[in-house]
Protein backbone atom coordinates (compact mmCIF):
# COMPACT_ATOMS: atom_id res chain seq x y z
CA UNK A 1 15.31 3.56 5.45
CA UNK A 2 15.30 -0.04 4.22
CA UNK A 3 11.79 -0.85 5.59
CA UNK A 4 10.37 2.22 3.82
CA UNK A 5 11.91 1.09 0.54
CA UNK A 6 10.53 -2.43 1.03
CA UNK A 7 7.02 -1.08 1.67
CA UNK A 8 7.23 1.15 -1.40
CA UNK A 9 8.42 -1.80 -3.47
CA UNK A 10 5.52 -3.90 -2.20
CA UNK A 11 3.05 -1.15 -3.06
CA UNK A 12 4.48 -0.89 -6.59
CA UNK A 13 4.29 -4.66 -7.07
CA UNK A 14 0.68 -4.81 -5.88
CA UNK A 15 -0.30 -1.85 -8.04
CA UNK A 16 1.36 -3.41 -11.09
CA UNK A 17 -0.30 -6.78 -10.47
CA UNK A 18 -3.71 -5.16 -10.09
CA UNK A 19 -3.26 -3.21 -13.33
CA UNK A 20 -2.07 -6.32 -15.18
CA UNK A 21 -4.99 -8.41 -13.91
CA UNK A 22 -7.47 -5.75 -14.99
CA UNK A 23 -5.93 -5.70 -18.48
CA UNK A 24 -6.04 -9.52 -18.62
CA UNK A 25 -9.76 -9.50 -17.77
CA UNK A 26 -10.42 -7.14 -20.71
CA UNK A 27 -8.32 -9.32 -23.04
CA UNK A 28 -10.19 -12.44 -21.92
CA UNK A 29 -13.52 -10.70 -22.53
CA UNK A 30 -12.45 -9.65 -26.03
CA UNK A 31 -11.32 -13.20 -26.87
CA UNK A 32 -14.62 -14.60 -25.62
CA UNK A 33 -16.60 -12.18 -27.79
CA UNK A 34 -14.50 -13.01 -30.86
CA UNK A 35 -14.93 -16.73 -30.21
CA UNK A 36 -18.71 -16.37 -29.85
CA UNK A 37 -18.96 -14.30 -33.04
CA UNK A 38 -16.94 -16.90 -34.91
CA UNK A 39 -19.17 -19.66 -33.55
CA UNK A 40 -22.29 -17.81 -34.71
CA UNK A 41 -20.90 -16.97 -38.16
CA UNK A 42 -19.77 -20.56 -38.63
CA UNK A 43 -23.31 -21.77 -38.02
CA UNK A 44 -24.82 -19.17 -40.34
CA UNK A 45 -22.30 -19.74 -43.14
CA UNK A 46 -22.74 -23.49 -43.33
CA UNK A 47 -19.26 -23.83 -44.82
CA UNK A 48 -16.73 -26.52 -44.12
CA UNK A 49 -17.22 -26.32 -40.37
CA UNK A 50 -14.31 -24.27 -39.08
CA UNK A 51 -14.05 -20.52 -39.28
CA UNK A 52 -10.35 -20.55 -38.42
CA UNK A 53 -7.43 -22.29 -40.10
CA UNK A 54 -5.59 -23.73 -37.08
């Protein structure tokens, strides 16, 4: 009974890690797109240099 529970726990952990990694890839892609858009708008605006405050 205990080995079956350990295998099921391992499957749940691997499934959760795979789901979390997939979500993190999408978040990283969104951040990259926002950064690139900000870089392009900064160059087009010709303002004070930074498009963000921090």
